[in-house]
């Protein structure tokens, strides 16, 4: 009996060790130092943004500032470790470098919202900017979906191309709840010719800008895919704008709201060569 109880205790201890942890940055020390326990609730400092034993840790940035010193990063730990869920509520700028992660992409063993930029509170007065460098794909794992959510006070910048879709059911979804996504490169949305990944506009005002190339070689290709990888769940519509070497897709107000704007003397200025559905 004692042996069974001891075995049970060991199993429970192992399970508790594998449980996901939540780390919350409060920035109380005002020195921007990631390694300073005074900047974290309960003094719990995440050693990295890649959790061991596939535990899905969550790192929340909810202070008046962002960490700038001794930043934790991703490690080339292989597929035995998941990338932590990251929620950015703090005003300021933070840069994520995925060049040291496995295959230069986050690892996920199950579908979830991997990254949330902004809290949508304050009308943009506490702007949150997240820069992503060194990323090849939005995720690297089979049979899972990584969602990147950008709210109205958030901006997500990709340095380079956005690999929305990879093989083996690795799906990437970009959600815009009034926020902004900008890529210096292009969008490769169909690795195997199947549009399982997409850009979803949840509310008006959200916009995505990317360079021509990849799945969208020109403005005609962008417009032709209006019912494919660009999805409007706002009820208004999408405006496609040709900027020259880049294009922008923006969610516009629903027809009822648009009618009110015109009725009260408002106007909408459509830029050159724009297309709205």
Protein backbone atom coordinates (compact mmCIF):
# COMPACT_ATOMS: atom_id res chain seq x y z
CA UNK A 1 0.00 0.00 0.00
CA UNK A 2 2.80 2.41 0.91
CA UNK A 3 4.53 1.60 -2.39
CA UNK A 4 1.34 2.43 -4.31
CA UNK A 5 0.94 5.71 -2.45
CA UNK A 6 4.56 6.61 -3.12
CA UNK A 7 4.12 5.83 -6.81
CA UNK A 8 0.95 7.94 -6.94
CA UNK A 9 2.74 10.87 -5.28
CA UNK A 10 5.57 10.66 -7.81
CA UNK A 11 3.09 10.67 -10.69
CA UNK A 12 1.26 13.68 -9.27
CA UNK A 13 4.55 15.50 -8.69
CA UNK A 14 5.64 14.87 -12.27
CA UNK A 15 2.28 16.11 -13.53
CA UNK A 16 2.53 19.31 -11.47
CA UNK A 17 6.01 19.98 -12.81
CA UNK A 18 4.69 19.69 -16.36
CA UNK A 19 1.85 22.14 -15.77
CA UNK A 20 1.97 25.38 -17.70
CA UNK A 21 3.15 28.46 -15.82
CA UNK A 22 1.92 32.04 -16.16
CA UNK A 23 4.50 34.84 -15.96
CA UNK A 24 3.32 38.46 -15.78
CA UNK A 25 5.63 41.39 -16.46
CA UNK A 26 4.68 44.47 -14.43
CA UNK A 27 7.85 46.52 -14.92
CA UNK A 28 7.71 47.80 -11.34
CA UNK A 29 11.46 48.26 -11.03
CA UNK A 30 11.41 50.67 -14.00
CA UNK A 31 14.77 49.40 -15.23
CA UNK A 32 13.51 47.30 -18.16
CA UNK A 33 15.54 44.33 -16.93
CA UNK A 34 13.98 40.98 -17.81
CA UNK A 35 16.18 39.20 -15.24
CA UNK A 36 15.10 41.46 -12.35
CA UNK A 37 12.51 39.54 -10.31
CA UNK A 38 11.04 42.85 -9.10
CA UNK A 39 9.63 43.37 -12.61
CA UNK A 40 7.55 40.18 -12.46
CA UNK A 41 4.48 39.29 -10.43
CA UNK A 42 5.47 37.03 -7.55
CA UNK A 43 9.11 37.37 -8.56
CA UNK A 44 8.68 34.61 -11.17
CA UNK A 45 11.04 35.24 -14.10
CA UNK A 46 10.67 33.13 -17.27
CA UNK A 47 14.06 31.78 -18.27
CA UNK A 48 13.11 31.60 -21.95
CA UNK A 49 10.16 31.79 -24.32
CA UNK A 50 10.40 28.08 -25.06
CA UNK A 51 8.93 25.84 -22.37
CA UNK A 52 10.54 22.50 -21.55
CA UNK A 53 8.59 19.26 -21.70
CA UNK A 54 6.06 20.80 -24.11
CA UNK A 55 4.46 22.80 -21.27
CA UNK A 56 2.54 25.73 -22.75
CA UNK A 57 3.70 28.62 -20.62
CA UNK A 58 2.08 32.04 -20.94
CA UNK A 59 4.02 35.30 -20.72
CA UNK A 60 1.91 38.42 -20.21
CA UNK A 61 3.33 41.92 -20.59
CA UNK A 62 1.05 44.19 -18.55
CA UNK A 63 3.31 46.87 -17.17
CA UNK A 64 3.77 50.52 -18.04
CA UNK A 65 6.85 49.58 -20.03
CA UNK A 66 8.47 46.74 -21.97
CA UNK A 67 11.59 44.76 -21.01
CA UNK A 68 14.69 45.99 -22.83
CA UNK A 69 17.64 44.33 -21.01
CA UNK A 70 18.71 40.67 -20.64
CA UNK A 71 15.85 39.54 -22.84
CA UNK A 72 14.96 35.88 -22.84
CA UNK A 73 14.77 34.24 -26.23
CA UNK A 74 14.00 31.05 -28.06
CA UNK A 75 16.32 28.09 -28.05
CA UNK A 76 16.94 25.39 -30.65
CA UNK A 77 15.41 22.85 -28.28
CA UNK A 78 13.76 20.81 -31.02
CA UNK A 79 10.21 19.57 -31.06
CA UNK A 80 10.14 18.62 -27.37
CA UNK A 81 9.43 22.22 -26.35
CA UNK A 82 6.49 24.50 -27.18
CA UNK A 83 6.79 28.22 -27.75
CA UNK A 84 5.12 30.16 -24.94
CA UNK A 85 1.85 31.97 -25.47
CA UNK A 86 2.57 35.71 -25.46
CA UNK A 87 0.09 38.47 -24.58
CA UNK A 88 1.28 42.06 -25.06
CA UNK A 89 -0.76 44.64 -23.13
CA UNK A 90 2.08 47.00 -22.17
CA UNK A 91 2.56 50.17 -24.16
CA UNK A 92 5.84 50.26 -26.05
CA UNK A 93 7.86 48.15 -28.46
CA UNK A 94 9.14 44.59 -28.16
CA UNK A 95 11.13 42.54 -30.67
CA UNK A 96 10.95 38.75 -31.01
CA UNK A 97 13.85 37.06 -32.79
CA UNK A 98 13.03 33.54 -34.00
CA UNK A 99 16.38 32.92 -35.68
CA UNK A 100 17.50 30.65 -32.80
CA UNK A 101 14.27 28.63 -32.62
CA UNK A 102 13.76 25.28 -34.34
CA UNK A 103 13.62 25.94 -38.10
CA UNK A 104 13.25 29.65 -37.36
CA UNK A 105 9.59 29.27 -36.37
CA UNK A 106 7.54 28.78 -33.19
CA UNK A 107 6.81 25.20 -32.12
CA UNK A 108 3.22 24.28 -31.20
CA UNK A 109 1.83 20.85 -30.37
CA UNK A 110 -1.80 22.03 -30.31
CA UNK A 111 -3.85 24.86 -31.79
CA UNK A 112 -4.02 28.13 -29.86
CA UNK A 113 -3.66 31.91 -30.11
CA UNK A 114 0.10 32.15 -29.90
CA UNK A 115 0.46 35.92 -29.94
CA UNK A 116 -1.91 38.74 -28.91
CA UNK A 117 -0.79 42.32 -29.59
CA UNK A 118 -2.69 45.01 -27.68
CA UNK A 119 -5.67 44.82 -25.36
CA UNK A 120 -8.03 46.97 -27.43
CA UNK A 121 -8.52 49.35 -24.49
CA UNK A 122 -7.76 53.06 -24.46
CA UNK A 123 -8.50 53.96 -28.07
CA UNK A 124 -4.91 53.52 -29.16
CA UNK A 125 -3.47 55.75 -26.43
CA UNK A 126 -1.25 52.89 -25.24
CA UNK A 127 0.05 51.65 -28.57
CA UNK A 128 1.74 48.28 -28.54
CA UNK A 129 4.26 47.41 -31.26
CA UNK A 130 5.69 43.92 -31.68
CA UNK A 131 8.43 43.29 -34.24
CA UNK A 132 9.17 39.76 -35.45
CA UNK A 133 12.56 38.96 -36.99
CA UNK A 134 14.10 35.75 -38.28
CA UNK A 135 10.83 33.87 -38.82
CA UNK A 136 10.35 31.56 -41.81
CA UNK A 137 6.85 30.20 -41.04
CA UNK A 138 4.12 31.06 -38.56
CA UNK A 139 4.60 27.66 -36.90
CA UNK A 140 6.51 24.37 -37.13
CA UNK A 141 4.45 21.41 -35.97
CA UNK A 142 1.94 19.03 -37.49
CA UNK A 143 -1.85 19.20 -37.12
CA UNK A 144 -2.07 22.52 -35.31
CA UNK A 145 -3.03 26.11 -36.03
CA UNK A 146 -1.15 29.17 -34.78
CA UNK A 147 -3.26 32.32 -34.52
CA UNK A 148 -1.75 35.81 -34.31
CA UNK A 149 -4.30 38.35 -32.99
CA UNK A 150 -3.74 42.11 -33.33
CA UNK A 151 -6.17 44.44 -31.54
CA UNK A 152 -7.01 48.08 -32.22
CA UNK A 153 -4.08 49.49 -30.24
CA UNK A 154 -1.59 46.98 -31.65
CA UNK A 155 0.84 46.80 -34.56
CA UNK A 156 2.61 43.62 -35.64
CA UNK A 157 5.61 44.02 -37.96
CA UNK A 158 7.18 41.10 -39.84
CA UNK A 159 10.72 41.61 -41.14
CA UNK A 160 10.55 39.58 -44.34
CA UNK A 161 7.98 37.22 -45.80
CA UNK A 162 4.93 35.77 -44.03
CA UNK A 163 4.72 32.00 -44.47
CA UNK A 164 1.03 31.53 -43.71
CA UNK A 165 0.81 27.90 -44.67
CA UNK A 166 3.22 25.02 -44.40
CA UNK A 167 2.84 21.35 -45.22
CA UNK A 168 1.46 18.58 -42.95
CA UNK A 169 -1.52 20.62 -41.66
CA UNK A 170 0.57 23.41 -40.22
CA UNK A 171 -1.84 26.33 -40.46
CA UNK A 172 -1.28 29.99 -39.67
CA UNK A 173 -4.04 32.54 -39.12
CA UNK A 174 -3.61 36.31 -38.84
CA UNK A 175 -6.55 37.97 -37.06
CA UNK A 176 -7.06 41.73 -37.17
CA UNK A 177 -9.42 43.16 -34.56
CA UNK A 178 -8.88 46.74 -35.68
CA UNK A 179 -5.09 46.40 -35.54
CA UNK A 180 -2.29 46.70 -38.09
CA UNK A 181 0.01 44.10 -39.65
CA UNK A 182 2.91 45.10 -41.90
CA UNK A 183 5.32 42.75 -43.69
CA UNK A 184 8.41 44.00 -45.49
CA UNK A 185 8.21 40.86 -47.64
CA UNK A 186 5.40 38.96 -49.35
CA UNK A 187 2.75 36.44 -48.31
CA UNK A 188 3.11 32.77 -49.21
CA UNK A 189 -0.35 31.46 -48.42
CA UNK A 190 -0.57 28.09 -50.20
CA UNK A 191 2.33 25.73 -49.69
CA UNK A 192 0.39 22.77 -51.10
CA UNK A 193 -2.22 24.68 -53.04
CA UNK A 194 -4.75 24.43 -50.20
CA UNK A 195 -5.85 27.65 -48.50
CA UNK A 196 -6.12 26.38 -44.93
CA UNK A 197 -4.51 29.55 -43.60
CA UNK A 198 -5.91 33.02 -43.98
CA UNK A 199 -6.06 36.65 -42.86
CA UNK A 200 -9.28 37.34 -40.93
CA UNK A 201 -10.66 40.83 -40.32
CA UNK A 202 -12.78 40.85 -37.16
CA UNK A 203 -13.66 44.54 -37.05
CA UNK A 204 -13.39 47.69 -39.12
CA UNK A 205 -10.13 49.60 -39.32
CA UNK A 206 -7.85 46.59 -39.34
CA UNK A 207 -5.29 46.53 -42.14
CA UNK A 208 -2.58 44.32 -43.60
CA UNK A 209 0.20 45.57 -45.86
CA UNK A 210 2.65 43.32 -47.69
CA UNK A 211 4.89 43.32 -50.75
CA UNK A 212 3.93 41.77 -54.06
CA UNK A 213 5.28 38.29 -54.58
CA UNK A 214 4.64 34.82 -53.20
CA UNK A 215 0.94 34.01 -53.58
CA UNK A 216 0.18 37.57 -54.72
CA UNK A 217 2.33 38.54 -57.65
CA UNK A 218 0.28 41.59 -58.58
CA UNK A 219 -2.80 43.62 -57.66
CA UNK A 220 -5.09 41.45 -59.80
CA UNK A 221 -4.02 38.35 -57.83
CA UNK A 222 -4.81 40.12 -54.55
CA UNK A 223 -8.30 41.10 -55.73
CA UNK A 224 -9.02 37.66 -57.16
CA UNK A 225 -8.44 36.08 -53.78
CA UNK A 226 -10.94 38.25 -51.96
CA UNK A 227 -13.07 35.23 -50.98
CA UNK A 228 -10.10 32.99 -50.23
CA UNK A 229 -7.32 33.94 -47.89
CA UNK A 230 -8.69 37.37 -46.98
CA UNK A 231 -11.76 36.76 -44.82
CA UNK A 232 -14.15 39.46 -43.62
CA UNK A 233 -16.23 38.54 -40.56
CA UNK A 234 -16.99 42.18 -39.73
CA UNK A 235 -19.95 42.46 -42.10
CA UNK A 236 -18.65 45.57 -43.83
CA UNK A 237 -16.25 44.57 -46.55
CA UNK A 238 -12.64 44.75 -47.59
CA UNK A 239 -10.90 47.53 -49.46
CA UNK A 240 -7.91 46.55 -51.57
CA UNK A 241 -5.36 49.27 -52.30
CA UNK A 242 -2.43 49.20 -54.70
CA UNK A 243 0.51 51.13 -53.21
CA UNK A 244 2.93 50.38 -56.03
CA UNK A 245 5.32 47.71 -54.80
CA UNK A 246 3.00 46.79 -51.93
CA UNK A 247 -0.71 46.31 -51.35
CA UNK A 248 -2.98 47.00 -48.38
CA UNK A 249 -6.18 45.21 -47.39
CA UNK A 250 -8.41 47.17 -45.00
CA UNK A 251 -11.69 46.29 -43.28
CA UNK A 252 -14.27 49.03 -43.88
CA UNK A 253 -17.50 49.77 -41.95
CA UNK A 254 -20.61 47.70 -42.54
CA UNK A 255 -23.11 49.27 -44.99
CA UNK A 256 -25.45 50.62 -42.28
CA UNK A 257 -22.57 52.42 -40.55
CA UNK A 258 -21.26 53.70 -43.88
CA UNK A 259 -24.70 55.15 -44.66
CA UNK A 260 -24.72 57.05 -41.38
CA UNK A 261 -21.31 58.53 -42.13
CA UNK A 262 -22.50 59.84 -45.50
CA UNK A 263 -25.80 61.07 -44.03
CA UNK A 264 -24.00 63.23 -41.48
CA UNK A 265 -21.77 64.78 -44.09
CA UNK A 266 -18.81 62.47 -43.61
CA UNK A 267 -16.83 61.22 -46.51
CA UNK A 268 -14.55 58.36 -47.34
CA UNK A 269 -11.55 59.05 -49.50
CA UNK A 270 -10.65 56.03 -51.60
CA UNK A 271 -7.06 56.10 -52.71
CA UNK A 272 -5.96 55.50 -56.26
CA UNK A 273 -6.67 52.04 -57.70
CA UNK A 274 -8.61 50.73 -54.72
CA UNK A 275 -11.17 47.94 -54.90
CA UNK A 276 -13.89 47.20 -52.39
CA UNK A 277 -16.17 44.18 -52.02
